[in-house]
PDB file of N, CA and C in Angstrom:
ATOM      1  N   UNK A   1     101.571 102.288  79.933  1.00  0.00           N
ATOM      2  CA  UNK A   1     102.699 101.869  80.726  1.00  0.00           C
ATOM      3  C   UNK A   1     102.907 102.838  81.896  1.00  0.00           C
ATOM      4  N   UNK A   2     102.868 104.094  81.594  1.00  0.00           N
ATOM      5  CA  UNK A   2     103.044 105.123  82.615  1.00  0.00           C
ATOM      6  C   UNK A   2     101.971 104.992  83.690  1.00  0.00           C
ATOM      7  N   UNK A   3     100.746 104.749  83.274  1.00  0.00           N
ATOM      8  CA  UNK A   3      99.628 104.630  84.217  1.00  0.00           C
ATOM      9  C   UNK A   3      99.794 103.404  85.116  1.00  0.00           C
ATOM     10  N   UNK A   4     100.329 102.327  84.570  1.00  0.00           N
ATOM     11  CA  UNK A   4     100.549 101.114  85.352  1.00  0.00           C
ATOM     12  C   UNK A   4     101.549 101.359  86.477  1.00  0.00           C
ATOM     13  N   UNK A   5     102.674 101.969  86.158  1.00  0.00           N
ATOM     14  CA  UNK A   5     103.697 102.263  87.165  1.00  0.00           C
ATOM     15  C   UNK A   5     103.164 103.256  88.188  1.00  0.00           C
ATOM     16  N   UNK A   6     102.421 104.246  87.731  1.00  0.00           N
ATOM     17  CA  UNK A   6     101.848 105.233  88.645  1.00  0.00           C
ATOM     18  C   UNK A   6     100.859 104.569  89.607  1.00  0.00           C
ATOM     19  N   UNK A   7     100.021 103.671  89.114  1.00  0.00           N
ATOM     20  CA  UNK A   7      99.059 102.967  89.953  1.00  0.00           C
ATOM     21  C   UNK A   7      99.767 102.135  91.021  1.00  0.00           C
ATOM     22  N   UNK A   8     100.795 101.405  90.636  1.00  0.00           N
ATOM     23  CA  UNK A   8     101.534 100.576  91.587  1.00  0.00           C
ATOM     24  C   UNK A   8     102.219 101.443  92.635  1.00  0.00           C
ATOM     25  N   UNK A   9     102.870 102.517  92.193  1.00  0.00           N
ATOM     26  CA  UNK A   9     103.586 103.395  93.115  1.00  0.00           C
ATOM     27  C   UNK A   9     102.629 104.059  94.101  1.00  0.00           C
ATOM     28  N   UNK A  10     101.479 104.501  93.611  1.00  0.00           N
ATOM     29  CA  UNK A  10     100.504 105.167  94.488  1.00  0.00           C
ATOM     30  C   UNK A  10      99.982 104.230  95.567  1.00  0.00           C
ATOM     31  N   UNK A  11      99.909 102.945  95.262  1.00  0.00           N
ATOM     32  CA  UNK A  11      99.412 102.002  96.262  1.00  0.00           C
ATOM     33  C   UNK A  11     100.473 101.649  97.298  1.00  0.00           C
ATOM     34  N   UNK A  12     101.727 101.988  97.040  1.00  0.00           N
ATOM     35  CA  UNK A  12     102.820 101.659  97.968  1.00  0.00           C
ATOM     36  C   UNK A  12     103.179 102.834  98.874  1.00  0.00           C
ATOM     37  N   UNK A  13     103.263 104.034  98.312  1.00  0.00           N
ATOM     38  CA  UNK A  13     103.794 105.186  99.044  1.00  0.00           C
ATOM     39  C   UNK A  13     102.756 105.820  99.969  1.00  0.00           C
ATOM     40  N   UNK A  14     103.273 106.633 100.896  1.00  0.00           N
ATOM     41  CA  UNK A  14     102.388 107.389 101.777  1.00  0.00           C
ATOM     42  C   UNK A  14     102.146 108.797 101.248  1.00  0.00           C
ATOM     43  N   UNK A  15     103.187 109.430 100.687  1.00  0.00           N
ATOM     44  CA  UNK A  15     103.062 110.779 100.141  1.00  0.00           C
ATOM     45  C   UNK A  15     102.706 110.679  98.658  1.00  0.00           C
ATOM     46  N   UNK A  16     101.429 110.550  98.373  1.00  0.00           N
ATOM     47  CA  UNK A  16     100.960 110.338  97.005  1.00  0.00           C
ATOM     48  C   UNK A  16     101.158 111.560  96.113  1.00  0.00           C
ATOM     49  N   UNK A  17     101.219 112.747  96.711  1.00  0.00           N
ATOM     50  CA  UNK A  17     101.409 113.969  95.926  1.00  0.00           C
ATOM     51  C   UNK A  17     102.813 114.081  95.350  1.00  0.00           C
ATOM     52  N   UNK A  18     103.769 113.368  95.917  1.00  0.00           N
ATOM     53  CA  UNK A  18     105.152 113.453  95.466  1.00  0.00           C
ATOM     54  C   UNK A  18     105.468 112.477  94.334  1.00  0.00           C
ATOM     55  N   UNK A  19     104.538 111.622  93.979  1.00  0.00           N
ATOM     56  CA  UNK A  19     104.781 110.625  92.929  1.00  0.00           C
ATOM     57  C   UNK A  19     104.722 111.301  91.563  1.00  0.00           C
ATOM     58  N   UNK A  20     105.795 111.151  90.799  1.00  0.00           N
ATOM     59  CA  UNK A  20     105.870 111.680  89.442  1.00  0.00           C
ATOM     60  C   UNK A  20     106.382 110.575  88.528  1.00  0.00           C
ATOM     61  N   UNK A  21     105.679 110.339  87.455  1.00  0.00           N
ATOM     62  CA  UNK A  21     106.079 109.316  86.484  1.00  0.00           C
ATOM     63  C   UNK A  21     106.173 109.982  85.115  1.00  0.00           C
ATOM     64  N   UNK A  22     107.317 109.820  84.466  1.00  0.00           N
ATOM     65  CA  UNK A  22     107.494 110.348  83.114  1.00  0.00           C
ATOM     66  C   UNK A  22     107.825 109.197  82.181  1.00  0.00           C
ATOM     67  N   UNK A  23     107.399 109.356  80.945  1.00  0.00           N
ATOM     68  CA  UNK A  23     107.619 108.317  79.942  1.00  0.00           C
ATOM     69  C   UNK A  23     108.243 108.952  78.713  1.00  0.00           C
ATOM     70  N   UNK A  24     109.292 108.333  78.206  1.00  0.00           N
ATOM     71  CA  UNK A  24     109.930 108.818  76.988  1.00  0.00           C
ATOM     72  C   UNK A  24     110.352 107.614  76.158  1.00  0.00           C
ATOM     73  N   UNK A  25     110.682 107.877  74.916  1.00  0.00           N
ATOM     74  CA  UNK A  25     111.093 106.805  74.003  1.00  0.00           C
ATOM     75  C   UNK A  25     112.563 106.990  73.670  1.00  0.00           C
ATOM     76  N   UNK A  26     113.338 105.932  73.855  1.00  0.00           N
ATOM     77  CA  UNK A  26     114.766 105.969  73.557  1.00  0.00           C
ATOM     78  C   UNK A  26     114.984 105.845  72.048  1.00  0.00           C
ATOM     79  N   UNK A  27     116.216 106.054  71.639  1.00  0.00           N
ATOM     80  CA  UNK A  27     116.564 105.980  70.223  1.00  0.00           C
ATOM     81  C   UNK A  27     116.336 104.592  69.634  1.00  0.00           C
ATOM     82  N   UNK A  28     116.493 103.567  70.475  1.00  0.00           N
ATOM     83  CA  UNK A  28     116.309 102.195  69.994  1.00  0.00           C
ATOM     84  C   UNK A  28     114.851 101.736  70.056  1.00  0.00           C
ATOM     85  N   UNK A  29     113.938 102.639  70.394  1.00  0.00           N
ATOM     86  CA  UNK A  29     112.523 102.317  70.425  1.00  0.00           C
ATOM     87  C   UNK A  29     112.014 101.836  71.767  1.00  0.00           C
ATOM     88  N   UNK A  30     112.915 101.689  72.725  1.00  0.00           N
ATOM     89  CA  UNK A  30     112.538 101.241  74.062  1.00  0.00           C
ATOM     90  C   UNK A  30     111.841 102.365  74.818  1.00  0.00           C
ATOM     91  N   UNK A  31     110.855 102.008  75.634  1.00  0.00           N
ATOM     92  CA  UNK A  31     110.150 102.991  76.450  1.00  0.00           C
ATOM     93  C   UNK A  31     110.880 103.130  77.777  1.00  0.00           C
ATOM     94  N   UNK A  32     111.252 104.348  78.119  1.00  0.00           N
ATOM     95  CA  UNK A  32     111.943 104.626  79.374  1.00  0.00           C
ATOM     96  C   UNK A  32     110.963 105.281  80.328  1.00  0.00           C
ATOM     97  N   UNK A  33     110.767 104.678  81.490  1.00  0.00           N
ATOM     98  CA  UNK A  33     109.857 105.218  82.485  1.00  0.00           C
ATOM     99  C   UNK A  33     110.672 105.605  83.709  1.00  0.00           C
ATOM    100  N   UNK A  34     110.490 106.842  84.151  1.00  0.00           N
ATOM    101  CA  UNK A  34     111.189 107.347  85.321  1.00  0.00           C
ATOM    102  C   UNK A  34     110.184 107.590  86.438  1.00  0.00           C
ATOM    103  N   UNK A  35     110.444 107.034  87.604  1.00  0.00           N
ATOM    104  CA  UNK A  35     109.560 107.154  88.761  1.00  0.00           C
ATOM    105  C   UNK A  35     110.264 107.970  89.836  1.00  0.00           C
ATOM    106  N   UNK A  36     109.627 109.065  90.246  1.00  0.00           N
ATOM    107  CA  UNK A  36     110.158 109.917  91.308  1.00  0.00           C
ATOM    108  C   UNK A  36     109.187 109.867  92.472  1.00  0.00           C
ATOM    109  N   UNK A  37     109.711 109.551  93.671  1.00  0.00           N
ATOM    110  CA  UNK A  37     108.898 109.511  94.882  1.00  0.00           C
ATOM    111  C   UNK A  37     109.573 110.351  95.954  1.00  0.00           C
ATOM    112  N   UNK A  38     108.844 110.615  97.037  1.00  0.00           N
ATOM    113  CA  UNK A  38     109.411 111.374  98.153  1.00  0.00           C
ATOM    114  C   UNK A  38     110.566 110.590  98.770  1.00  0.00           C
ATOM    115  N   UNK A  39     111.485 111.316  99.342  1.00  0.00           N
ATOM    116  CA  UNK A  39     112.676 110.693  99.937  1.00  0.00           C
ATOM    117  C   UNK A  39     112.301 109.633 100.973  1.00  0.00           C
ATOM    118  N   UNK A  40     111.283 109.885 101.765  1.00  0.00           N
ATOM    119  CA  UNK A  40     110.872 108.938 102.795  1.00  0.00           C
ATOM    120  C   UNK A  40     110.202 107.688 102.261  1.00  0.00           C
ATOM    121  N   UNK A  41     109.761 107.729 101.013  1.00  0.00           N
ATOM    122  CA  UNK A  41     109.076 106.586 100.410  1.00  0.00           C
ATOM    123  C   UNK A  41     109.979 105.749  99.509  1.00  0.00           C
ATOM    124  N   UNK A  42     111.198 106.185  99.284  1.00  0.00           N
ATOM    125  CA  UNK A  42     112.095 105.439  98.407  1.00  0.00           C
ATOM    126  C   UNK A  42     112.341 104.021  98.905  1.00  0.00           C
ATOM    127  N   UNK A  43     112.488 103.873 100.213  1.00  0.00           N
ATOM    128  CA  UNK A  43     112.719 102.549 100.774  1.00  0.00           C
ATOM    129  C   UNK A  43     111.558 101.608 100.536  1.00  0.00           C
ATOM    130  N   UNK A  44     110.346 102.141 100.581  1.00  0.00           N
ATOM    131  CA  UNK A  44     109.165 101.311 100.343  1.00  0.00           C
ATOM    132  C   UNK A  44     109.081 100.888  98.882  1.00  0.00           C
ATOM    133  N   UNK A  45     109.429 101.792  97.980  1.00  0.00           N
ATOM    134  CA  UNK A  45     109.346 101.485  96.555  1.00  0.00           C
ATOM    135  C   UNK A  45     110.457 100.527  96.130  1.00  0.00           C
ATOM    136  N   UNK A  46     111.626 100.675  96.715  1.00  0.00           N
ATOM    137  CA  UNK A  46     112.742  99.795  96.362  1.00  0.00           C
ATOM    138  C   UNK A  46     112.614  98.452  97.082  1.00  0.00           C
ATOM    139  N   UNK A  47     112.247  98.482  98.356  1.00  0.00           N
ATOM    140  CA  UNK A  47     112.063  97.242  99.102  1.00  0.00           C
ATOM    141  C   UNK A  47     113.372  96.656  99.587  1.00  0.00           C
ATOM    142  N   UNK A  48     113.262  95.701 100.483  1.00  0.00           N
ATOM    143  CA  UNK A  48     114.443  95.053 101.037  1.00  0.00           C
ATOM    144  C   UNK A  48     115.140  94.243  99.952  1.00  0.00           C
ATOM    145  N   UNK A  49     116.374  94.603  99.707  1.00  0.00           N
ATOM    146  CA  UNK A  49     117.142  93.904  98.681  1.00  0.00           C
ATOM    147  C   UNK A  49     116.673  94.206  97.264  1.00  0.00           C
ATOM    148  N   UNK A  50     115.839  95.225  97.103  1.00  0.00           N
ATOM    149  CA  UNK A  50     115.358  95.585  95.784  1.00  0.00           C
ATOM    150  C   UNK A  50     114.222  94.714  95.277  1.00  0.00           C
ATOM    151  N   UNK A  51     113.597  93.968  96.168  1.00  0.00           N
ATOM    152  CA  UNK A  51     112.553  93.024  95.744  1.00  0.00           C
ATOM    153  C   UNK A  51     111.322  93.720  95.175  1.00  0.00           C
ATOM    154  N   UNK A  52     110.883  94.805  95.800  1.00  0.00           N
ATOM    155  CA  UNK A  52     109.691  95.508  95.314  1.00  0.00           C
ATOM    156  C   UNK A  52     109.987  96.146  93.963  1.00  0.00           C
ATOM    157  N   UNK A  53     111.139  96.778  93.835  1.00  0.00           N
ATOM    158  CA  UNK A  53     111.515  97.403  92.565  1.00  0.00           C
ATOM    159  C   UNK A  53     111.604  96.353  91.467  1.00  0.00           C
ATOM    160  N   UNK A  54     112.147  95.211  91.765  1.00  0.00           N
ATOM    161  CA  UNK A  54     112.256  94.142  90.778  1.00  0.00           C
ATOM    162  C   UNK A  54     110.883  93.612  90.390  1.00  0.00           C
ATOM    163  N   UNK A  55     109.964  93.548  91.341  1.00  0.00           N
ATOM    164  CA  UNK A  55     108.602  93.101  91.040  1.00  0.00           C
ATOM    165  C   UNK A  55     107.892  94.107  90.132  1.00  0.00           C
ATOM    166  N   UNK A  56     108.092  95.398  90.395  1.00  0.00           N
ATOM    167  CA  UNK A  56     107.495  96.429  89.530  1.00  0.00           C
ATOM    168  C   UNK A  56     108.065  96.315  88.126  1.00  0.00           C
ATOM    169  N   UNK A  57     109.364  96.109  88.028  1.00  0.00           N
ATOM    170  CA  UNK A  57     109.997  95.964  86.708  1.00  0.00           C
ATOM    171  C   UNK A  57     109.484  94.729  85.980  1.00  0.00           C
ATOM    172  N   UNK A  58     109.239  93.651  86.702  1.00  0.00           N
ATOM    173  CA  UNK A  58     108.717  92.436  86.085  1.00  0.00           C
ATOM    174  C   UNK A  58     107.318  92.663  85.519  1.00  0.00           C
ATOM    175  N   UNK A  59     106.461  93.307  86.302  1.00  0.00           N
ATOM    176  CA  UNK A  59     105.110  93.613  85.814  1.00  0.00           C
ATOM    177  C   UNK A  59     105.180  94.528  84.598  1.00  0.00           C
ATOM    178  N   UNK A  60     106.059  95.511  84.638  1.00  0.00           N
ATOM    179  CA  UNK A  60     106.231  96.432  83.510  1.00  0.00           C
ATOM    180  C   UNK A  60     106.723  95.680  82.276  1.00  0.00           C
ATOM    181  N   UNK A  61     107.665  94.774  82.464  1.00  0.00           N
ATOM    182  CA  UNK A  61     108.206  93.995  81.354  1.00  0.00           C
ATOM    183  C   UNK A  61     107.116  93.146  80.700  1.00  0.00           C
ATOM    184  N   UNK A  62     106.260  92.534  81.516  1.00  0.00           N
ATOM    185  CA  UNK A  62     105.171  91.707  80.986  1.00  0.00           C
ATOM    186  C   UNK A  62     104.187  92.568  80.197  1.00  0.00           C
ATOM    187  N   UNK A  63     103.839  93.737  80.735  1.00  0.00           N
ATOM    188  CA  UNK A  63     102.928  94.639  80.026  1.00  0.00           C
ATOM    189  C   UNK A  63     103.542  95.095  78.699  1.00  0.00           C
ATOM    190  N   UNK A  64     104.841  95.331  78.700  1.00  0.00           N
ATOM    191  CA  UNK A  64     105.517  95.758  77.478  1.00  0.00           C
ATOM    192  C   UNK A  64     105.521  94.642  76.436  1.00  0.00           C
ATOM    193  N   UNK A  65     105.767  93.426  76.859  1.00  0.00           N
ATOM    194  CA  UNK A  65     105.775  92.289  75.938  1.00  0.00           C
ATOM    195  C   UNK A  65     104.399  92.111  75.299  1.00  0.00           C
ATOM    196  N   UNK A  66     103.360  92.294  76.094  1.00  0.00           N
ATOM    197  CA  UNK A  66     101.997  92.158  75.557  1.00  0.00           C
ATOM    198  C   UNK A  66     101.706  93.211  74.496  1.00  0.00           C
ATOM    199  N   UNK A  67     102.382  94.360  74.582  1.00  0.00           N
ATOM    200  CA  UNK A  67     102.194  95.420  73.582  1.00  0.00           C
ATOM    201  C   UNK A  67     103.222  95.353  72.461  1.00  0.00           C
ATOM    202  N   UNK A  68     104.166  94.451  72.581  1.00  0.00           N
ATOM    203  CA  UNK A  68     105.166  94.289  71.532  1.00  0.00           C
ATOM    204  C   UNK A  68     106.283  95.312  71.573  1.00  0.00           C
ATOM    205  N   UNK A  69     106.573  95.855  72.750  1.00  0.00           N
ATOM    206  CA  UNK A  69     107.656  96.839  72.901  1.00  0.00           C
ATOM    207  C   UNK A  69     108.558  96.408  74.042  1.00  0.00           C
ATOM    208  N   UNK A  70     109.645  97.161  74.222  1.00  0.00           N
ATOM    209  CA  UNK A  70     110.532  96.946  75.367  1.00  0.00           C
ATOM    210  C   UNK A  70     110.429  98.162  76.278  1.00  0.00           C
ATOM    211  N   UNK A  71     110.524  97.917  77.592  1.00  0.00           N
ATOM    212  CA  UNK A  71     110.417  99.025  78.541  1.00  0.00           C
ATOM    213  C   UNK A  71     111.393  98.823  79.688  1.00  0.00           C
ATOM    214  N   UNK A  72     111.824  99.940  80.272  1.00  0.00           N
ATOM    215  CA  UNK A  72     112.699  99.877  81.441  1.00  0.00           C
ATOM    216  C   UNK A  72     112.261 100.956  82.444  1.00  0.00           C
ATOM    217  N   UNK A  73     112.525 100.694  83.717  1.00  0.00           N
ATOM    218  CA  UNK A  73     112.107 101.577  84.792  1.00  0.00           C
ATOM    219  C   UNK A  73     113.316 102.083  85.542  1.00  0.00           C
ATOM    220  N   UNK A  74     113.310 103.393  85.789  1.00  0.00           N
ATOM    221  CA  UNK A  74     114.343 104.023  86.609  1.00  0.00           C
ATOM    222  C   UNK A  74     113.661 104.672  87.810  1.00  0.00           C
ATOM    223  N   UNK A  75     114.122 104.348  89.001  1.00  0.00           N
ATOM    224  CA  UNK A  75     113.561 104.941  90.221  1.00  0.00           C
ATOM    225  C   UNK A  75     114.519 106.025  90.699  1.00  0.00           C
ATOM    226  N   UNK A  76     114.014 107.247  90.779  1.00  0.00           N
ATOM    227  CA  UNK A  76     114.856 108.396  91.144  1.00  0.00           C
ATOM    228  C   UNK A  76     114.518 108.828  92.547  1.00  0.00           C
TER     229      UNK A  76
END
């Protein structure tokens, strides 16, 4: 899951060295993924009206369903 979000983020941003993805497991068993990008790339990752961020979350949700888990993405 972490690798999927990292791959998508790296293909969007310009400052690839600033991309940081962390993965942790919540108490309810859900996978929490946190994506950190450079300040100048936040707009690209979020997109107009949040469309890009929502698309990333949709892909993540589908990957999680295929593995039988729940996942959520936080963009910092």
